C-alpha atoms as a PDB file:
ATOM      1  CA  UNK A   1       8.486 -22.674  -4.618  1.00  0.00           C
ATOM      2  CA  UNK A   2       5.630 -21.970  -2.220  1.00  0.00           C
ATOM      3  CA  UNK A   3       6.775 -18.371  -1.652  1.00  0.00           C
ATOM      4  CA  UNK A   4       7.032 -17.872  -5.434  1.00  0.00           C
ATOM      5  CA  UNK A   5       3.429 -19.071  -5.845  1.00  0.00           C
ATOM      6  CA  UNK A   6       2.358 -16.681  -3.090  1.00  0.00           C
ATOM      7  CA  UNK A   7       4.124 -13.741  -4.788  1.00  0.00           C
ATOM      8  CA  UNK A   8       2.493 -14.599  -8.139  1.00  0.00           C
ATOM      9  CA  UNK A   9      -0.930 -14.798  -6.445  1.00  0.00           C
ATOM     10  CA  UNK A  10      -0.457 -11.406  -4.778  1.00  0.00           C
ATOM     11  CA  UNK A  11       0.683  -9.800  -8.038  1.00  0.00           C
ATOM     12  CA  UNK A  12      -2.307 -11.279  -9.869  1.00  0.00           C
ATOM     13  CA  UNK A  13      -4.675  -9.948  -7.176  1.00  0.00           C
ATOM     14  CA  UNK A  14      -3.109  -6.489  -7.418  1.00  0.00           C
ATOM     15  CA  UNK A  15      -3.537  -6.531 -11.201  1.00  0.00           C
ATOM     16  CA  UNK A  16      -7.214  -7.408 -10.841  1.00  0.00           C
ATOM     17  CA  UNK A  17      -7.684  -4.718  -8.218  1.00  0.00           C
ATOM     18  CA  UNK A  18      -6.066  -2.041 -10.382  1.00  0.00           C
ATOM     19  CA  UNK A  19      -8.325  -3.028 -13.299  1.00  0.00           C
ATOM     20  CA  UNK A  20     -11.365  -2.737 -11.046  1.00  0.00           C
ATOM     21  CA  UNK A  21     -10.337   0.650  -9.652  1.00  0.00           C
ATOM     22  CA  UNK A  22      -9.803   2.072 -13.161  1.00  0.00           C
ATOM     23  CA  UNK A  23     -13.577   2.557 -13.366  1.00  0.00           C
ATOM     24  CA  UNK A  24     -15.155   5.321 -11.294  1.00  0.00           C
ATOM     25  CA  UNK A  25     -18.521   4.695  -9.651  1.00  0.00           C
ATOM     26  CA  UNK A  26     -21.369   7.041 -10.572  1.00  0.00           C
ATOM     27  CA  UNK A  27     -24.960   6.979  -9.342  1.00  0.00           C
ATOM     28  CA  UNK A  28     -27.936   8.179 -11.361  1.00  0.00           C
ATOM     29  CA  UNK A  29     -29.205  11.589 -10.318  1.00  0.00           C
ATOM     30  CA  UNK A  30     -33.005  11.077 -10.329  1.00  0.00           C
ATOM     31  CA  UNK A  31     -33.686  14.821 -10.440  1.00  0.00           C
ATOM     32  CA  UNK A  32     -31.768  15.202 -13.717  1.00  0.00           C
ATOM     33  CA  UNK A  33     -32.388  11.811 -15.306  1.00  0.00           C
ATOM     34  CA  UNK A  34     -35.347  10.828 -17.484  1.00  0.00           C
ATOM     35  CA  UNK A  35     -36.262   7.204 -18.202  1.00  0.00           C
ATOM     36  CA  UNK A  36     -38.995   7.626 -20.754  1.00  0.00           C
ATOM     37  CA  UNK A  37     -41.017   5.785 -23.364  1.00  0.00           C
ATOM     38  CA  UNK A  38     -43.360   6.555 -26.249  1.00  0.00           C
ATOM     39  CA  UNK A  39     -46.125   4.410 -27.737  1.00  0.00           C
ATOM     40  CA  UNK A  40     -48.384   4.996 -30.711  1.00  0.00           C
ATOM     41  CA  UNK A  41     -51.996   5.553 -29.620  1.00  0.00           C
ATOM     42  CA  UNK A  42     -54.846   4.592 -31.984  1.00  0.00           C
ATOM     43  CA  UNK A  43     -52.192   4.528 -34.729  1.00  0.00           C
ATOM     44  CA  UNK A  44     -52.498   8.312 -35.172  1.00  0.00           C
ATOM     45  CA  UNK A  45     -50.659   9.867 -32.223  1.00  0.00           C
ATOM     46  CA  UNK A  46     -47.711   9.341 -29.889  1.00  0.00           C
ATOM     47  CA  UNK A  47     -48.233   9.202 -26.120  1.00  0.00           C
ATOM     48  CA  UNK A  48     -45.189   9.558 -23.880  1.00  0.00           C
ATOM     49  CA  UNK A  49     -44.527   8.603 -20.288  1.00  0.00           C
ATOM     50  CA  UNK A  50     -41.718   8.120 -17.837  1.00  0.00           C
ATOM     51  CA  UNK A  51     -40.746   6.360 -14.635  1.00  0.00           C
ATOM     52  CA  UNK A  52     -40.127   8.626 -11.670  1.00  0.00           C
ATOM     53  CA  UNK A  53     -38.623   6.125  -9.189  1.00  0.00           C
ATOM     54  CA  UNK A  54     -35.399   4.321 -10.051  1.00  0.00           C
ATOM     55  CA  UNK A  55     -31.818   3.768  -8.938  1.00  0.00           C
ATOM     56  CA  UNK A  56     -28.760   3.008 -10.976  1.00  0.00           C
ATOM     57  CA  UNK A  57     -24.989   2.699 -10.957  1.00  0.00           C
ATOM     58  CA  UNK A  58     -22.512   3.308 -13.748  1.00  0.00           C
ATOM     59  CA  UNK A  59     -18.942   2.049 -13.434  1.00  0.00           C
ATOM     60  CA  UNK A  60     -17.310   4.410 -15.917  1.00  0.00           C
ATOM     61  CA  UNK A  61     -13.811   3.811 -17.259  1.00  0.00           C
ATOM     62  CA  UNK A  62     -12.952   6.996 -19.119  1.00  0.00           C
ATOM     63  CA  UNK A  63      -9.750   5.523 -20.548  1.00  0.00           C
ATOM     64  CA  UNK A  64     -11.488   2.447 -21.979  1.00  0.00           C
ATOM     65  CA  UNK A  65     -15.248   2.803 -22.143  1.00  0.00           C
ATOM     66  CA  UNK A  66     -15.615  -0.884 -23.083  1.00  0.00           C
ATOM     67  CA  UNK A  67     -14.574  -1.695 -19.494  1.00  0.00           C
ATOM     68  CA  UNK A  68     -17.551   0.222 -18.103  1.00  0.00           C
ATOM     69  CA  UNK A  69     -20.746  -1.328 -16.712  1.00  0.00           C
ATOM     70  CA  UNK A  70     -24.335  -0.303 -15.924  1.00  0.00           C
ATOM     71  CA  UNK A  71     -26.954  -1.537 -13.458  1.00  0.00           C
ATOM     72  CA  UNK A  72     -30.457  -0.032 -13.127  1.00  0.00           C
ATOM     73  CA  UNK A  73     -33.599  -0.822 -11.100  1.00  0.00           C
ATOM     74  CA  UNK A  74     -36.936   0.811 -11.978  1.00  0.00           C
ATOM     75  CA  UNK A  75     -40.192   0.745 -10.025  1.00  0.00           C
ATOM     76  CA  UNK A  76     -42.891   0.420 -12.708  1.00  0.00           C
ATOM     77  CA  UNK A  77     -45.508   1.549 -10.173  1.00  0.00           C
ATOM     78  CA  UNK A  78     -43.991   5.028 -10.617  1.00  0.00           C
ATOM     79  CA  UNK A  79     -45.134   5.194 -14.260  1.00  0.00           C
ATOM     80  CA  UNK A  80     -46.403   8.652 -15.164  1.00  0.00           C
ATOM     81  CA  UNK A  81     -48.146   9.551 -18.428  1.00  0.00           C
ATOM     82  CA  UNK A  82     -49.977  12.501 -16.851  1.00  0.00           C
ATOM     83  CA  UNK A  83     -53.288  10.623 -16.919  1.00  0.00           C
ATOM     84  CA  UNK A  84     -54.377   8.752 -13.770  1.00  0.00           C
ATOM     85  CA  UNK A  85     -56.733   6.337 -15.542  1.00  0.00           C
ATOM     86  CA  UNK A  86     -54.063   5.377 -18.090  1.00  0.00           C
ATOM     87  CA  UNK A  87     -51.378   5.087 -15.396  1.00  0.00           C
ATOM     88  CA  UNK A  88     -53.611   2.825 -13.284  1.00  0.00           C
ATOM     89  CA  UNK A  89     -54.193   0.655 -16.352  1.00  0.00           C
ATOM     90  CA  UNK A  90     -50.440   0.456 -16.999  1.00  0.00           C
ATOM     91  CA  UNK A  91     -49.877  -0.643 -13.375  1.00  0.00           C
ATOM     92  CA  UNK A  92     -52.568  -3.321 -13.633  1.00  0.00           C
ATOM     93  CA  UNK A  93     -52.307  -6.919 -14.843  1.00  0.00           C
ATOM     94  CA  UNK A  94     -53.131  -5.614 -18.333  1.00  0.00           C
ATOM     95  CA  UNK A  95     -49.584  -4.277 -18.629  1.00  0.00           C
ATOM     96  CA  UNK A  96     -46.815  -4.058 -15.978  1.00  0.00           C
ATOM     97  CA  UNK A  97     -48.718  -5.982 -13.277  1.00  0.00           C
ATOM     98  CA  UNK A  98     -46.743  -4.166 -10.581  1.00  0.00           C
ATOM     99  CA  UNK A  99     -48.243  -6.213  -7.741  1.00  0.00           C
ATOM    100  CA  UNK A 100     -46.595  -9.319  -9.201  1.00  0.00           C
ATOM    101  CA  UNK A 101     -43.560  -7.708 -10.863  1.00  0.00           C
ATOM    102  CA  UNK A 102     -42.516  -4.698  -8.733  1.00  0.00           C
ATOM    103  CA  UNK A 103     -39.184  -4.095 -10.517  1.00  0.00           C
ATOM    104  CA  UNK A 104     -37.793  -3.656 -13.992  1.00  0.00           C
ATOM    105  CA  UNK A 105     -34.044  -4.272 -14.044  1.00  0.00           C
ATOM    106  CA  UNK A 106     -31.200  -3.853 -16.496  1.00  0.00           C
ATOM    107  CA  UNK A 107     -27.719  -5.291 -16.029  1.00  0.00           C
ATOM    108  CA  UNK A 108     -25.046  -4.791 -18.671  1.00  0.00           C
ATOM    109  CA  UNK A 109     -22.901  -7.720 -19.760  1.00  0.00           C
ATOM    110  CA  UNK A 110     -20.526  -5.763 -21.994  1.00  0.00           C
ATOM    111  CA  UNK A 111     -19.891  -2.433 -23.712  1.00  0.00           C
ATOM    112  CA  UNK A 112     -18.798  -2.514 -27.349  1.00  0.00           C
ATOM    113  CA  UNK A 113     -17.398   0.053 -29.762  1.00  0.00           C
ATOM    114  CA  UNK A 114     -19.648   0.265 -32.796  1.00  0.00           C
ATOM    115  CA  UNK A 115     -18.750   2.650 -35.595  1.00  0.00           C
ATOM    116  CA  UNK A 116     -18.250   6.113 -34.126  1.00  0.00           C
ATOM    117  CA  UNK A 117     -20.190   5.263 -30.974  1.00  0.00           C
ATOM    118  CA  UNK A 118     -20.814   2.589 -28.377  1.00  0.00           C
ATOM    119  CA  UNK A 119     -23.495   0.070 -27.524  1.00  0.00           C
ATOM    120  CA  UNK A 120     -24.347  -1.368 -24.132  1.00  0.00           C
ATOM    121  CA  UNK A 121     -25.396  -5.018 -24.294  1.00  0.00           C
ATOM    122  CA  UNK A 122     -27.257  -6.417 -21.327  1.00  0.00           C
ATOM    123  CA  UNK A 123     -30.320  -8.131 -19.923  1.00  0.00           C
ATOM    124  CA  UNK A 124     -33.571  -6.235 -19.474  1.00  0.00           C
ATOM    125  CA  UNK A 125     -35.936  -8.030 -17.087  1.00  0.00           C
ATOM    126  CA  UNK A 126     -39.482  -6.739 -17.388  1.00  0.00           C
ATOM    127  CA  UNK A 127     -42.746  -8.441 -16.457  1.00  0.00           C
ATOM    128  CA  UNK A 128     -40.615 -11.315 -15.148  1.00  0.00           C
ATOM    129  CA  UNK A 129     -39.048 -11.986 -18.559  1.00  0.00           C
ATOM    130  CA  UNK A 130     -35.272 -11.599 -19.124  1.00  0.00           C
ATOM    131  CA  UNK A 131     -34.206 -10.615 -22.631  1.00  0.00           C
ATOM    132  CA  UNK A 132     -30.915  -9.348 -24.019  1.00  0.00           C
ATOM    133  CA  UNK A 133     -31.027  -5.913 -25.609  1.00  0.00           C
ATOM    134  CA  UNK A 134     -28.440  -3.771 -27.381  1.00  0.00           C
ATOM    135  CA  UNK A 135     -28.630  -0.122 -26.406  1.00  0.00           C
ATOM    136  CA  UNK A 136     -26.751   2.462 -28.509  1.00  0.00           C
ATOM    137  CA  UNK A 137     -25.617   5.399 -26.373  1.00  0.00           C
ATOM    138  CA  UNK A 138     -23.736   8.664 -26.588  1.00  0.00           C
ATOM    139  CA  UNK A 139     -21.621  10.160 -23.819  1.00  0.00           C
ATOM    140  CA  UNK A 140     -22.415  13.871 -23.713  1.00  0.00           C
ATOM    141  CA  UNK A 141     -19.601  14.899 -21.404  1.00  0.00           C
ATOM    142  CA  UNK A 142     -17.978  14.930 -18.002  1.00  0.00           C
ATOM    143  CA  UNK A 143     -17.872  18.056 -15.833  1.00  0.00           C
ATOM    144  CA  UNK A 144     -17.243  19.373 -12.352  1.00  0.00           C
ATOM    145  CA  UNK A 145     -20.452  21.053 -11.182  1.00  0.00           C
ATOM    146  CA  UNK A 146     -20.549  24.312  -9.143  1.00  0.00           C
ATOM    147  CA  UNK A 147     -20.795  22.281  -5.902  1.00  0.00           C
ATOM    148  CA  UNK A 148     -17.626  20.264  -6.537  1.00  0.00           C
ATOM    149  CA  UNK A 149     -19.299  17.060  -7.789  1.00  0.00           C
ATOM    150  CA  UNK A 150     -18.085  15.235 -10.887  1.00  0.00           C
ATOM    151  CA  UNK A 151     -20.916  14.422 -13.276  1.00  0.00           C
ATOM    152  CA  UNK A 152     -21.296  12.573 -16.555  1.00  0.00           C
ATOM    153  CA  UNK A 153     -24.160  12.815 -19.008  1.00  0.00           C
ATOM    154  CA  UNK A 154     -25.324  10.402 -21.640  1.00  0.00           C
ATOM    155  CA  UNK A 155     -28.315   9.712 -23.828  1.00  0.00           C
ATOM    156  CA  UNK A 156     -29.652   6.571 -25.438  1.00  0.00           C
ATOM    157  CA  UNK A 157     -32.608   5.495 -27.517  1.00  0.00           C
ATOM    158  CA  UNK A 158     -33.971   2.224 -28.880  1.00  0.00           C
ATOM    159  CA  UNK A 159     -37.180   0.540 -29.953  1.00  0.00           C
ATOM    160  CA  UNK A 160     -38.475  -2.634 -28.378  1.00  0.00           C
ATOM    161  CA  UNK A 161     -41.431  -4.894 -29.099  1.00  0.00           C
ATOM    162  CA  UNK A 162     -43.410  -5.137 -25.857  1.00  0.00           C
ATOM    163  CA  UNK A 163     -44.614  -8.626 -26.819  1.00  0.00           C
ATOM    164  CA  UNK A 164     -41.062  -9.907 -26.214  1.00  0.00           C
ATOM    165  CA  UNK A 165     -41.764  -9.363 -22.499  1.00  0.00           C
ATOM    166  CA  UNK A 166     -45.279 -10.850 -22.677  1.00  0.00           C
ATOM    167  CA  UNK A 167     -46.883  -7.401 -22.531  1.00  0.00           C
ATOM    168  CA  UNK A 168     -49.511  -8.411 -25.053  1.00  0.00           C
ATOM    169  CA  UNK A 169     -52.731  -6.765 -23.899  1.00  0.00           C
ATOM    170  CA  UNK A 170     -54.378  -4.555 -26.504  1.00  0.00           C
ATOM    171  CA  UNK A 171     -57.550  -3.949 -28.400  1.00  0.00           C
ATOM    172  CA  UNK A 172     -57.911  -3.925 -32.158  1.00  0.00           C
ATOM    173  CA  UNK A 173     -59.533  -1.041 -33.991  1.00  0.00           C
ATOM    174  CA  UNK A 174     -62.202  -1.603 -36.642  1.00  0.00           C
ATOM    175  CA  UNK A 175     -59.571  -0.498 -39.164  1.00  0.00           C
ATOM    176  CA  UNK A 176     -57.289  -3.328 -38.002  1.00  0.00           C
ATOM    177  CA  UNK A 177     -54.778  -1.202 -36.120  1.00  0.00           C
ATOM    178  CA  UNK A 178     -54.027  -1.429 -32.400  1.00  0.00           C
ATOM    179  CA  UNK A 179     -55.166   0.905 -29.634  1.00  0.00           C
ATOM    180  CA  UNK A 180     -51.575   0.709 -28.272  1.00  0.00           C
ATOM    181  CA  UNK A 181     -48.671  -0.069 -30.606  1.00  0.00           C
ATOM    182  CA  UNK A 182     -46.463  -3.098 -30.017  1.00  0.00           C
ATOM    183  CA  UNK A 183     -43.361  -1.063 -30.820  1.00  0.00           C
ATOM    184  CA  UNK A 184     -42.286   1.109 -27.899  1.00  0.00           C
ATOM    185  CA  UNK A 185     -39.569   3.737 -28.137  1.00  0.00           C
ATOM    186  CA  UNK A 186     -37.331   3.980 -25.065  1.00  0.00           C
ATOM    187  CA  UNK A 187     -35.467   7.247 -24.510  1.00  0.00           C
ATOM    188  CA  UNK A 188     -32.924   7.835 -21.771  1.00  0.00           C
ATOM    189  CA  UNK A 189     -31.389  11.146 -20.707  1.00  0.00           C
ATOM    190  CA  UNK A 190     -29.005  10.354 -17.889  1.00  0.00           C
ATOM    191  CA  UNK A 191     -26.990  12.463 -15.489  1.00  0.00           C
ATOM    192  CA  UNK A 192     -24.883  10.592 -12.957  1.00  0.00           C
ATOM    193  CA  UNK A 193     -22.795  11.792 -10.014  1.00  0.00           C
ATOM    194  CA  UNK A 194     -19.420  10.344  -9.023  1.00  0.00           C
ATOM    195  CA  UNK A 195     -19.410   8.726  -5.588  1.00  0.00           C
END
């Protein structure tokens, strides 16, 4: 009886291991990945920026994408809108408060099929506040590059309300609008390399 229990335990462990190994590990290529955002400025124009320092891992199961997973860490101090004064303001306690909150993180909890595409559901922690988001994404392809590396590409886009992460600083215009919109568009263009 004891040996039968041992055999069942070993078989169960092997099953779990094979499920884990079905997903290939990819790491974000920072040179070919853009983690960007756009906000409305003075209610008449869009201003875009990006983060230049980040790391991330994708466990990609090509046979069943719903078994994939994503983990990303961003350094908000690397924010770049091509304007030093604005970037310094974004790093300050007015917005990201990078001295107190040096990382923005995202950890997926599940991938779901939705219509013709997929969504990645997970927790975005920004400004010390965790909140679940649903990120629609498209897989653009998988290739072998000229140097023998396997790469995947994907893109994603969503809108968030910055107030959900207690990023509430703003000034009101005489017309009633905001200097910086509450709605922020997030756009991701990702290239990841198999490890």
